[in-house]
Amino acid sequence: MLPTSSVAHFLEHTSPEIRDIVLELRNLIASVAPNATEVRHSRGFSYYDDQRGGTVSAGICQIVIFEDHVHLAFIHGAFLQDPKGMLIGEAKYKKYVPIISYKDAPWDYLRNLISASTHFDPRTLTMNQES
């Protein structure tokens, strides 16, 4: 994970509500995928398993920050189990869950999506039981 000071600097111009959402998502990702590599991009952060590939081939998720909400995005989201139908998006495979409010966010469900994504292998389009 990136140093806390780097993340704080990146988030210094976001609202407290958005900052809290981003920091909680980072905590969830760290708890589910402690070995994930975190990289910063222009609108947030990307997480991937560098033992399996890069941000696309081994992508776990992305935090995409907007002025008034956050997307927890999954590059292979169309392949994840989503019994509540929360994953949306126009792209063929990439899907996201919009998070508008910290208190209304489905934290347990988001944890389950992140976990499922850590086990997804896009080369076989199956869940990898070894992860």
Protein backbone atom coordinates (compact mmCIF):
# COMPACT_ATOMS: atom_id res chain seq x y z
CA MET A 1 0.00 0.00 0.00
CA LEU A 2 1.05 3.57 -0.60
CA PRO A 3 2.37 5.64 2.32
CA THR A 4 -0.35 7.29 4.38
CA SER A 5 1.15 10.73 3.81
CA SER A 6 0.95 10.26 0.02
CA VAL A 7 -2.70 9.23 0.24
CA ALA A 8 -3.52 12.11 2.61
CA HIS A 9 -1.90 14.57 0.21
CA PHE A 10 -3.85 13.15 -2.73
CA LEU A 11 -7.13 13.44 -0.79
CA GLU A 12 -6.54 16.88 0.72
CA HIS A 13 -9.00 18.60 -1.64
CA THR A 14 -11.81 16.06 -1.28
CA SER A 15 -14.72 16.53 1.09
CA PRO A 16 -14.57 14.79 4.48
CA GLU A 17 -17.42 12.45 3.44
CA ILE A 18 -15.64 11.36 0.24
CA ARG A 19 -12.33 11.05 2.09
CA ASP A 20 -13.93 8.77 4.69
CA ILE A 21 -15.39 6.55 1.95
CA VAL A 22 -12.03 6.27 0.20
CA LEU A 23 -10.16 5.49 3.42
CA GLU A 24 -12.70 2.85 4.43
CA LEU A 25 -12.46 1.22 1.00
CA ARG A 26 -8.67 1.15 1.34
CA ASN A 27 -9.08 -0.54 4.73
CA LEU A 28 -11.40 -3.14 3.23
CA ILE A 29 -9.02 -3.84 0.37
CA ALA A 30 -6.06 -4.14 2.74
CA SER A 31 -7.96 -6.57 4.95
CA VAL A 32 -9.15 -8.77 2.05
CA ALA A 33 -6.05 -8.52 -0.16
CA PRO A 34 -3.13 -7.56 2.11
CA ASN A 35 -0.56 -8.27 -0.59
CA ALA A 36 -2.27 -6.16 -3.25
CA THR A 37 -0.20 -3.54 -5.01
CA GLU A 38 -1.74 -0.08 -4.82
CA VAL A 39 -1.04 2.54 -7.47
CA ARG A 40 -2.41 6.03 -7.75
CA HIS A 41 -4.05 7.23 -10.95
CA SER A 42 -5.56 10.56 -11.91
CA ARG A 43 -8.94 9.89 -10.28
CA GLY A 44 -8.05 7.53 -7.45
CA PHE A 45 -6.33 4.22 -6.83
CA SER A 46 -5.96 0.82 -8.50
CA TYR A 47 -5.23 -2.49 -6.82
CA TYR A 48 -3.81 -5.63 -8.39
CA ASP A 49 -1.93 -8.84 -7.60
CA ASP A 50 1.53 -8.27 -9.05
CA GLN A 51 2.31 -11.99 -8.68
CA ARG A 52 -0.27 -12.70 -11.40
CA GLY A 53 0.16 -9.69 -13.69
CA GLY A 54 -0.65 -6.01 -13.99
CA THR A 55 -3.57 -3.69 -13.32
CA VAL A 56 -5.78 -5.34 -15.95
CA SER A 57 -4.75 -9.00 -16.05
CA ALA A 58 -4.52 -9.20 -12.27
CA GLY A 59 -6.77 -6.28 -11.37
CA ILE A 60 -8.64 -6.52 -8.10
CA CYS A 61 -10.46 -3.19 -8.04
CA GLN A 62 -10.23 0.55 -8.40
CA ILE A 63 -11.35 3.45 -6.28
CA VAL A 64 -12.52 6.22 -8.59
CA ILE A 65 -13.15 9.56 -6.89
CA PHE A 66 -15.72 12.09 -8.04
CA GLU A 67 -16.69 15.37 -6.38
CA ASP A 68 -19.81 13.95 -4.70
CA HIS A 69 -19.40 10.17 -4.80
CA VAL A 70 -16.97 7.29 -5.26
CA HIS A 71 -17.00 4.27 -7.55
CA LEU A 72 -15.61 0.96 -6.40
CA ALA A 73 -14.83 -0.43 -9.85
CA PHE A 74 -13.92 -3.93 -11.00
CA ILE A 75 -12.20 -4.36 -14.36
CA HIS A 76 -13.73 -7.85 -14.61
CA GLY A 77 -16.92 -6.95 -12.78
CA ALA A 78 -19.23 -8.59 -15.32
CA PHE A 79 -17.86 -11.97 -14.19
CA LEU A 80 -18.38 -11.49 -10.44
CA GLN A 81 -21.30 -12.94 -8.53
CA ASP A 82 -23.59 -10.01 -7.76
CA PRO A 83 -26.78 -11.35 -6.17
CA LYS A 84 -27.92 -7.87 -5.14
CA GLY A 85 -27.39 -6.45 -8.65
CA MET A 86 -25.32 -3.53 -7.40
CA LEU A 87 -22.66 -3.64 -10.12
CA ILE A 88 -23.49 -1.27 -12.96
CA GLY A 89 -21.77 0.30 -15.94
CA GLU A 90 -21.86 0.77 -19.68
CA ALA A 91 -18.61 -1.06 -20.39
CA LYS A 92 -18.81 -4.68 -21.47
CA TYR A 93 -16.75 -6.09 -18.58
CA LYS A 94 -15.85 -3.27 -16.21
CA LYS A 95 -18.54 -2.62 -13.63
CA TYR A 96 -18.73 -0.48 -10.52
CA VAL A 97 -20.73 0.21 -7.37
CA PRO A 98 -21.44 3.90 -6.79
CA ILE A 99 -21.02 4.98 -3.17
CA ILE A 100 -22.68 8.26 -2.27
CA SER A 101 -22.83 8.07 1.51
CA TYR A 102 -20.53 6.50 4.07
CA LYS A 103 -23.37 5.53 6.39
CA ASP A 104 -25.46 4.00 3.59
CA ALA A 105 -22.64 2.08 1.91
CA PRO A 106 -23.10 -1.72 1.86
CA TRP A 107 -19.69 -2.39 3.47
CA ASP A 108 -20.10 -6.15 3.93
CA TYR A 109 -21.29 -6.56 0.36
CA LEU A 110 -18.39 -4.49 -0.95
CA ARG A 111 -16.00 -6.68 1.06
CA ASN A 112 -17.52 -9.76 -0.60
CA LEU A 113 -17.12 -8.25 -4.08
CA ILE A 114 -13.48 -7.38 -3.38
CA SER A 115 -12.86 -10.89 -2.09
CA ALA A 116 -14.48 -12.46 -5.16
CA SER A 117 -12.40 -10.24 -7.41
CA THR A 118 -9.17 -11.33 -5.72
CA HIS A 119 -10.00 -14.91 -6.68
CA PHE A 120 -11.08 -14.25 -10.27
CA ASP A 121 -8.71 -15.40 -13.01
CA PRO A 122 -9.48 -13.61 -16.30
CA ARG A 123 -7.31 -16.09 -18.23
CA THR A 124 -9.73 -18.90 -17.43
CA LEU A 125 -12.82 -16.85 -16.51
CA THR A 126 -13.09 -18.85 -13.28
CA MET A 127 -12.52 -18.35 -9.61
CA ASN A 128 -9.01 -19.30 -8.52
CA GLN A 129 -9.20 -21.32 -5.30
CA GLU A 130 -5.47 -20.89 -4.58
CA SER A 131 -5.65 -17.13 -3.93
